Amino acid sequence: MRLAVLFILATIVTTCNADCHILQEGQIYILRPQSGATGHQLEGLDCLSWRLAVETNNLQNWDTVPMSCEEYVGHYMLGKQYRHDYESVADATIKYAKSLKLAGDDKDIWIFDVDETVLTNIPYYARSDVLFGALPYNKTSFNEWIAEGKLPAVPGALRLYKTLLRLGFKIFFLTGVEEEYRKARVANLKAVGYHTWEKLILREDADKGLTALAYKSKRRTELVNAGYRILGNSGDQWSLCEVAVLERAIK
């Protein structure tokens, strides 16, 4: 599981320091980013540029956050900007959902990813043996954390979820976590407010070895073939942007 989950919400914060002055008309303003989302001082552009490259999927197949950016990532994830970014995305998504007209045949569905979409692993990422992804991913320790079932809900996602239920959408959860953790996952979702869904899809033995893109695209295709119409797909990975599946879903 890559920690690209940390960066699906993009906000570049730029400020002008004391050296800035009023320039004559026609000149280019020199913008000098000085801080991260919570005002943490940065030495340069490296972490901002790296984050932008990840969010736009221009930087692919990376495994860890640069150690020099660990503190920047931590300040963003633990600071108010991350929450504000998520609320902004939730507002835009709710507006889109309300613009749709459902057929009323229980075939109009909304798919949610789980980790870093409806639940957050921030308490895990903040641990000294994780360092917000600056240390190599440890599947054993991550699964132990999942088994505890203590992931908090993401407030913006919970608000979106409740709105979709009121609008009449059928909710599907699609997670890359293995089937053996179903009990913990169900208990965790219900404990933080996600009480109703049509189906919770977890990775089965036949899915082992598949990338997130291949696995989740496969499961969405199965839903489309079963007659469902995917009108919304919320997640934190580029794997949710499988164009072919969505094109078939909206026909």
Protein backbone atom coordinates (compact mmCIF):
# COMPACT_ATOMS: atom_id res chain seq x y z
CA MET A 1 0.00 0.00 0.00
CA ARG A 2 1.65 3.19 -1.11
CA LEU A 3 1.42 6.34 0.90
CA ALA A 4 0.19 8.32 -2.06
CA VAL A 5 -2.88 8.32 0.16
CA LEU A 6 -1.27 11.25 1.94
CA PHE A 7 -1.46 13.58 -1.00
CA ILE A 8 -4.74 13.27 -2.89
CA LEU A 9 -5.82 16.71 -1.63
CA ALA A 10 -3.60 19.38 -3.19
CA THR A 11 -3.14 22.87 -1.82
CA ILE A 12 -0.01 24.86 -2.55
CA VAL A 13 0.56 27.58 0.00
CA THR A 14 2.71 30.50 -1.12
CA THR A 15 3.60 33.57 0.86
CA CYS A 16 5.78 36.59 0.31
CA ASN A 17 8.53 37.18 2.88
CA ALA A 18 9.99 40.39 4.23
CA ASP A 19 12.20 40.81 1.18
CA CYS A 20 9.17 41.29 -1.06
CA HIS A 21 8.38 44.79 -2.16
CA ILE A 22 5.91 46.49 -4.44
CA LEU A 23 7.07 45.97 -7.99
CA GLN A 24 6.44 48.27 -10.88
CA GLU A 25 3.57 47.43 -13.17
CA GLY A 26 4.52 44.88 -15.78
CA GLN A 27 7.15 43.13 -13.66
CA ILE A 28 6.80 39.50 -12.57
CA TYR A 29 6.14 39.00 -8.89
CA ILE A 30 8.60 36.62 -7.24
CA LEU A 31 6.57 34.26 -5.07
CA ARG A 32 8.63 32.57 -2.39
CA PRO A 33 6.91 29.70 -0.54
CA GLN A 34 8.07 29.99 3.04
CA SER A 35 5.91 27.58 4.99
CA GLY A 36 3.80 24.46 4.90
CA ALA A 37 0.12 24.10 5.73
CA THR A 38 0.57 25.03 9.40
CA GLY A 39 3.26 27.67 9.06
CA HIS A 40 6.21 25.31 9.45
CA GLN A 41 9.28 26.96 7.96
CA LEU A 42 10.77 25.31 4.89
CA GLU A 43 14.24 25.78 3.51
CA GLY A 44 13.18 25.63 -0.11
CA LEU A 45 10.80 24.32 -2.74
CA ASP A 46 11.82 20.66 -2.66
CA CYS A 47 8.97 19.28 -0.53
CA LEU A 48 6.30 21.39 -2.20
CA SER A 49 7.52 20.34 -5.64
CA TRP A 50 7.70 16.67 -4.62
CA ARG A 51 4.18 16.80 -3.21
CA LEU A 52 2.81 18.42 -6.36
CA ALA A 53 4.48 15.78 -8.53
CA VAL A 54 2.87 13.01 -6.46
CA GLU A 55 -0.58 14.59 -6.43
CA THR A 56 -0.61 15.06 -10.19
CA ASN A 57 0.68 11.48 -10.68
CA ASN A 58 3.73 12.79 -12.53
CA LEU A 59 5.93 11.01 -10.00
CA GLN A 60 5.08 7.31 -10.05
CA ASN A 61 6.39 4.06 -8.58
CA TRP A 62 7.83 5.72 -5.48
CA ASP A 63 8.02 3.82 -2.21
CA THR A 64 8.81 6.28 0.56
CA VAL A 65 8.47 9.95 1.39
CA PRO A 66 11.86 11.68 1.21
CA MET A 67 13.23 11.80 4.76
CA SER A 68 13.80 15.53 4.37
CA CYS A 69 10.05 15.96 3.79
CA GLU A 70 8.84 13.84 6.72
CA GLU A 71 8.30 16.83 8.98
CA TYR A 72 6.55 18.78 6.23
CA VAL A 73 4.18 15.89 5.52
CA GLY A 74 3.50 15.43 9.23
CA HIS A 75 2.65 19.10 9.72
CA TYR A 76 0.28 18.99 6.76
CA MET A 77 -1.48 15.79 7.83
CA LEU A 78 -1.84 16.86 11.47
CA GLY A 79 -2.66 20.49 10.69
CA LYS A 80 -5.88 22.21 9.83
CA GLN A 81 -5.13 22.51 6.11
CA TYR A 82 -5.55 18.78 5.51
CA ARG A 83 -8.99 18.85 7.15
CA HIS A 84 -9.99 21.99 5.30
CA ASP A 85 -8.91 20.47 1.99
CA TYR A 86 -11.03 17.40 2.64
CA GLU A 87 -14.06 19.50 3.58
CA SER A 88 -13.68 21.43 0.33
CA VAL A 89 -13.64 18.20 -1.68
CA ALA A 90 -16.68 16.92 0.27
CA ASP A 91 -18.60 20.13 -0.48
CA ALA A 92 -17.90 19.85 -4.21
CA THR A 93 -18.84 16.16 -4.23
CA ILE A 94 -22.13 16.74 -2.42
CA LYS A 95 -23.00 19.46 -4.92
CA TYR A 96 -22.34 17.00 -7.76
CA ALA A 97 -24.35 14.22 -6.10
CA LYS A 98 -27.36 16.50 -5.61
CA SER A 99 -27.31 17.35 -9.32
CA LEU A 100 -27.87 13.71 -10.32
CA LYS A 101 -31.24 12.14 -10.97
CA LEU A 102 -31.50 8.59 -9.68
CA ALA A 103 -33.53 5.98 -11.53
CA GLY A 104 -35.11 4.65 -8.35
CA ASP A 105 -34.38 1.01 -9.13
CA ASP A 106 -31.65 0.56 -6.49
CA LYS A 107 -28.99 0.27 -9.19
CA ASP A 108 -27.47 3.73 -8.77
CA ILE A 109 -24.44 3.28 -6.54
CA TRP A 110 -21.59 5.19 -4.99
CA ILE A 111 -18.27 3.47 -4.29
CA PHE A 112 -16.01 4.53 -1.44
CA ASP A 113 -12.45 3.51 -0.85
CA VAL A 114 -11.87 2.99 2.88
CA ASP A 115 -8.37 3.89 4.08
CA GLU A 116 -7.68 7.62 3.78
CA THR A 117 -11.15 8.13 2.33
CA VAL A 118 -13.79 7.25 4.94
CA LEU A 119 -11.33 6.19 7.64
CA THR A 120 -7.94 7.70 8.37
CA ASN A 121 -4.68 6.05 9.37
CA ILE A 122 -3.11 9.28 10.65
CA PRO A 123 -2.54 7.83 14.17
CA TYR A 124 -0.57 5.02 12.53
CA TYR A 125 1.38 7.27 10.15
CA ALA A 126 2.43 9.51 13.06
CA ARG A 127 4.18 6.64 14.83
CA SER A 128 7.96 6.70 15.14
CA ASP A 129 8.26 3.45 13.18
CA VAL A 130 6.35 4.94 10.22
CA LEU A 131 7.30 8.65 10.14
CA PHE A 132 4.53 9.56 7.70
CA GLY A 133 5.89 7.19 5.06
CA ALA A 134 9.53 8.21 5.30
CA LEU A 135 10.33 4.68 6.52
CA PRO A 136 9.65 1.63 4.31
CA TYR A 137 6.14 0.20 4.45
CA ASN A 138 5.77 -2.64 6.94
CA LYS A 139 2.79 -4.81 6.02
CA THR A 140 2.86 -6.74 9.28
CA SER A 141 2.65 -3.68 11.52
CA PHE A 142 0.04 -2.07 9.27
CA ASN A 143 -2.18 -5.17 9.38
CA GLU A 144 -1.83 -5.29 13.15
CA TRP A 145 -3.07 -1.70 13.24
CA ILE A 146 -6.01 -2.58 10.95
CA ALA A 147 -6.89 -5.53 13.19
CA GLU A 148 -7.21 -3.18 16.16
CA GLY A 149 -10.09 -1.43 14.38
CA LYS A 150 -9.31 2.00 15.83
CA LEU A 151 -9.21 4.13 12.68
CA PRO A 152 -11.08 7.43 13.14
CA ALA A 153 -13.66 8.57 10.61
CA VAL A 154 -12.82 11.40 8.22
CA PRO A 155 -15.46 14.06 9.09
CA GLY A 156 -15.94 15.29 5.52
CA ALA A 157 -16.37 11.76 4.22
CA LEU A 158 -18.88 10.87 6.93
CA ARG A 159 -20.90 13.96 6.01
CA LEU A 160 -20.79 12.97 2.33
CA TYR A 161 -21.79 9.39 3.17
CA LYS A 162 -24.85 10.51 5.18
CA THR A 163 -25.90 12.87 2.40
CA LEU A 164 -25.67 10.11 -0.22
CA LEU A 165 -27.84 7.81 1.88
CA ARG A 166 -30.50 10.51 2.17
CA LEU A 167 -30.37 11.01 -1.61
CA GLY A 168 -31.05 7.31 -2.18
CA PHE A 169 -27.65 6.00 -3.31
CA LYS A 170 -26.62 2.43 -2.56
CA ILE A 171 -23.22 2.48 -0.87
CA PHE A 172 -20.37 0.10 -1.66
CA PHE A 173 -17.05 0.06 0.17
CA LEU A 174 -14.02 -1.21 -1.76
CA THR A 175 -10.80 -1.76 0.19
CA GLY A 176 -7.44 -3.33 -0.52
CA VAL A 177 -7.36 -4.85 2.97
CA GLU A 178 -7.51 -8.67 2.97
CA GLU A 179 -10.68 -10.64 3.62
CA GLU A 180 -9.34 -11.98 6.93
CA TYR A 181 -9.80 -8.53 8.43
CA ARG A 182 -13.50 -8.25 7.55
CA LYS A 183 -14.71 -8.51 11.16
CA ALA A 184 -12.37 -5.76 12.34
CA ARG A 185 -13.20 -3.59 9.34
CA VAL A 186 -16.96 -3.93 9.82
CA ALA A 187 -16.72 -3.15 13.53
CA ASN A 188 -14.51 -0.13 12.86
CA LEU A 189 -16.82 1.33 10.21
CA LYS A 190 -19.91 0.95 12.39
CA ALA A 191 -18.19 2.30 15.49
CA VAL A 192 -17.45 5.64 13.83
CA GLY A 193 -20.80 6.15 12.09
CA TYR A 194 -20.87 4.16 8.84
CA HIS A 195 -23.83 1.96 9.72
CA THR A 196 -25.36 1.08 6.35
CA TRP A 197 -23.96 -0.23 3.09
CA GLU A 198 -24.87 -2.58 0.27
CA LYS A 199 -21.56 -4.43 0.21
CA LEU A 200 -18.07 -4.29 1.69
CA ILE A 201 -15.54 -5.67 -0.80
CA LEU A 202 -12.18 -6.86 0.52
CA ARG A 203 -9.21 -8.41 -1.25
CA GLU A 204 -9.59 -12.18 -1.61
CA ASP A 205 -7.00 -14.90 -2.22
CA ALA A 206 -7.60 -14.66 -5.97
CA ASP A 207 -6.65 -10.97 -5.81
CA LYS A 208 -3.23 -11.49 -4.28
CA GLY A 209 -0.47 -10.10 -6.45
CA LEU A 210 -2.76 -7.63 -8.24
CA THR A 211 -1.89 -3.96 -8.09
CA ALA A 212 -4.41 -1.59 -6.56
CA LEU A 213 -5.33 -0.44 -10.08
CA ALA A 214 -5.92 -3.97 -11.37
CA TYR A 215 -7.74 -5.17 -8.26
CA LYS A 216 -10.11 -2.23 -7.84
CA SER A 217 -10.80 -1.92 -11.57
CA LYS A 218 -11.66 -5.61 -11.61
CA ARG A 219 -14.13 -5.22 -8.76
CA ARG A 220 -15.78 -2.15 -10.28
CA THR A 221 -16.14 -3.95 -13.60
CA GLU A 222 -17.88 -6.82 -11.82
CA LEU A 223 -20.38 -4.39 -10.33
CA VAL A 224 -21.08 -2.83 -13.71
CA ASN A 225 -21.55 -6.28 -15.26
CA ALA A 226 -24.02 -7.06 -12.47
CA GLY A 227 -26.19 -4.16 -13.65
CA TYR A 228 -25.17 -1.42 -11.27
CA ARG A 229 -24.59 2.16 -12.41
CA ILE A 230 -21.56 3.77 -10.76
CA LEU A 231 -22.51 7.42 -10.42
CA GLY A 232 -19.81 8.29 -7.93
CA ASN A 233 -16.42 6.91 -6.97
CA SER A 234 -14.58 8.46 -3.99
CA GLY A 235 -11.03 7.47 -3.16
CA ASP A 236 -7.48 8.53 -2.54
CA GLN A 237 -5.61 6.66 -5.27
CA TRP A 238 -5.22 7.13 -9.00
CA SER A 239 -6.61 3.60 -9.43
CA LEU A 240 -10.12 5.02 -9.08
CA CYS A 241 -9.62 6.86 -12.38
CA GLU A 242 -10.19 3.80 -14.54
CA VAL A 243 -11.86 5.53 -17.48
CA ALA A 244 -13.20 2.44 -19.22
CA VAL A 245 -15.12 1.32 -16.16
CA LEU A 246 -16.66 4.71 -15.55
CA GLU A 247 -17.63 5.11 -19.21
CA ARG A 248 -19.48 1.80 -19.08
CA ALA A 249 -21.07 2.74 -15.77
CA ILE A 250 -22.70 5.94 -17.01
CA LYS A 251 -24.15 4.52 -20.24
